[in-house]
Amino acid sequence: MLNGYHIAAVCTVKIHEDTMCNFIDALNKKLIKHNWRVFVYTTASDLYWKRTSDAGEAAVFDLIDFEVVDSLIVFGSKILDDDVIDSICTRAKNNNIPVCMIEKSGCEGCWNINFNYKKGFEQIIRHLVDDHNAKKFHYIAGFEGNEFSEERLEVIKNVLSGYNLPFDDSMVSYGNFWSTPSIQAAERIIESGNIPDAVVCANDLMAVSVCNTFIKHGYKVPEDIIVTGFDGIDAIRFSVPKITSAMCDFIALAEKTAETVIDIFNNKSHPYNVNITPTILASESCGCSSPDYADASEYINNLNDTFNRFQNESRVLNEVSALIQRCHSVEEVISNLHRSVFYNMCCILKRECIDPTLNPISVHSSSTFGEDMYVLIDADMGINIENRDMNIKEIIPRLDSILEGGAPLIFKSLNFLDIPLGYLCFYYGSIEKTHLLQISQIAAALNNGIGGYRSLQHQQYLMTMVEDMYKFDTLTGLYNRNGFLRKYEEIINNSDVENITLVLCDLDGLKYINDNFSHREGDNAIYVVAEALRSVCGKGLCSRYGGDEMIAVMTKPCDTDKIKSSIEAYIERYNRTSGKPYTVSASIGICVSDSESFEKMFSSADELMYLDKARKKNRRK
């Protein structure tokens, strides 16, 4: 339960398809009347091929928080990776969350909700025999070995056997659920000259193609040959003749699923099976009159509008994606996301995705998305968001008001090169196909844009690191000679420079320390002198100019005696407290000038440094 609402989580793919659009809309309308809210987790791929990108897509299912979910609905017929389904169901069962499995039979421990395809297909065969006196059949199946294809083959064998009508393997072709193979199958039937009374296809898409092929060869449908399909897709309403089929009503499926979810929650019942029989749509291709007179012009206009909108939004999103990849900061990225294509949605990134120091092709969080998130887009709030940091448990900004509105929350993962970047959440007020088509569009654009931006930021970070390797000394952290000379050129070209103070420190007795106490201790002595110089020179330019030579440049008036005494005091304090068996000492030379070249200043400081070194030797003698 979340904020006073029961939560039903739906796991599916390709939410833009008409059947899923109808299902989500009907499910949500039914459940919100009973104080439920719907969270939908979806991918653009059906995950069948288990490609590299599929893992990044399937990461969306890791977003499901079983601490707030009350019921899980899984579309087993649409998610074609059994490992993904098993993972989702295992997590649900480990958290004692009931699972409604849609269109995938035999799932132990689940409430199985299925269309009774066998009964629906049987209705078509019996209708052709009983009402149209068909006696000679040919079946164009889907893929050989496919569960649904083979099930329908058994149905036609059993029904015709009951009528004592002949049927054998020569009366079976395979159209792979697609146009071209089914057209080829129809061509082979025509070439054989053995024309059946009826060609029964395993789905509508094949039926339309087969019907057109027979008509092209001069056959009349249904006078010379009957053609039927299965599924009840929109295309059969506009074919000539209209195709006889059986409709799998996804609105009825959604309503039955909602009733099951509520029944489970209220009664805590044991798993059971629910079957919904498809409705036969007897139409012109079998000789019946069509009950459905669709307006083809309206359908085509809507299709054109959807296509044109899709094209326009794709253009805008491609522009946004390209702009994001060229941005130099996350603030600049945000400024480019204020576009009309982003509404009723938010984009939540893993916090690590805006850190250029992290490798963009590695996962740095302990879980898929981690806990620390960053709100990149809250489209309805614009770009002026006070606090963009968020914990993943919060799900999305303004969750209370969005849940109150009743819109289903639709989640889509963001990923680039199979690395999860974060997620998108959409909460459209109405479930329309044009809205749902946007989800994959927007995700693809942001995947490329954010992924490219992240890669470029990391490249720039690495280039800076490489550049720093050539500018800074790794032992002391001071500029090396090359870095110092470059920076010095910038300083002297600055008109604010009043005069230049150059401080030269040379470590005394480095060879003695190295030979008697190890090079590690020699490095330590060098570091101490560097820190002494850095502590005194403040914002001045400091460098390890040679092996044991340190140099600093300051551009404001300085007290040279104070600088020298402060460096010596720093080293003396270190010697008192270090406990080292040797004493760190440095000779110092300081030159001040407003006109001399660097070379002359360095030479003057060097002479003074050697005088200081000589005085120290005399004192020791």
Foldseek 3Di string as FASTA:
>chain_A
DPPQAAEEEEEAEDCLDPLNLLLQQLLLVQQVVVRHFYAYQYFHDLCQVVDLQVLLFLCSLVLDDLVRHQAYEYAPVRNNDVVSVVVSVVVCVVSPHAYEYEDDPDDPQHQYEYAPLLQQLLVVLCCLCVVVVFQFEAEAFADVPDPLRVSSVVSNVVSNVVVVGDDDPVRYHYQNPAQPSLLVVLVVCVVVVVAGLEYEYAADRSQLNSQVSCVVVPDDFNVRHATAGEAPDPVLLPGVVRHKYWHDRSSVSSNVVSVVSVCCVVPVDGHDYHYHYTHTQDDPRSPDHGPDNDDVVVVVVVVVVLVVVVVVVLVLLLVLLVQLLPDDALLSNLVSPQDPLDDQKWWKFQPCLRPLQDDLVDDDAPDQRHFWIFTSDPRVVGSPDDGGIGTCVVVDPPVVVLVVLSFHWYKTFAEESSRTTGIMIGRDSRSDSSVSVSRVSNSVSCNSRSSSNSNVSNVVVVVVVVVVVQQADPLQRAGEQVNLVVVVVVVVVDPPQPKKKKKKKFKPPLVVCCVPPNVVVSSVLLNQLQVLLCVLQPPWHWYPYDDRMIMTMDRDDDDVVVSVVSSQVSQVVCQVPVPDPDGIDIFMFMDMGHDDDPVVRVVRRVVNSVVSVVVVVVVVD
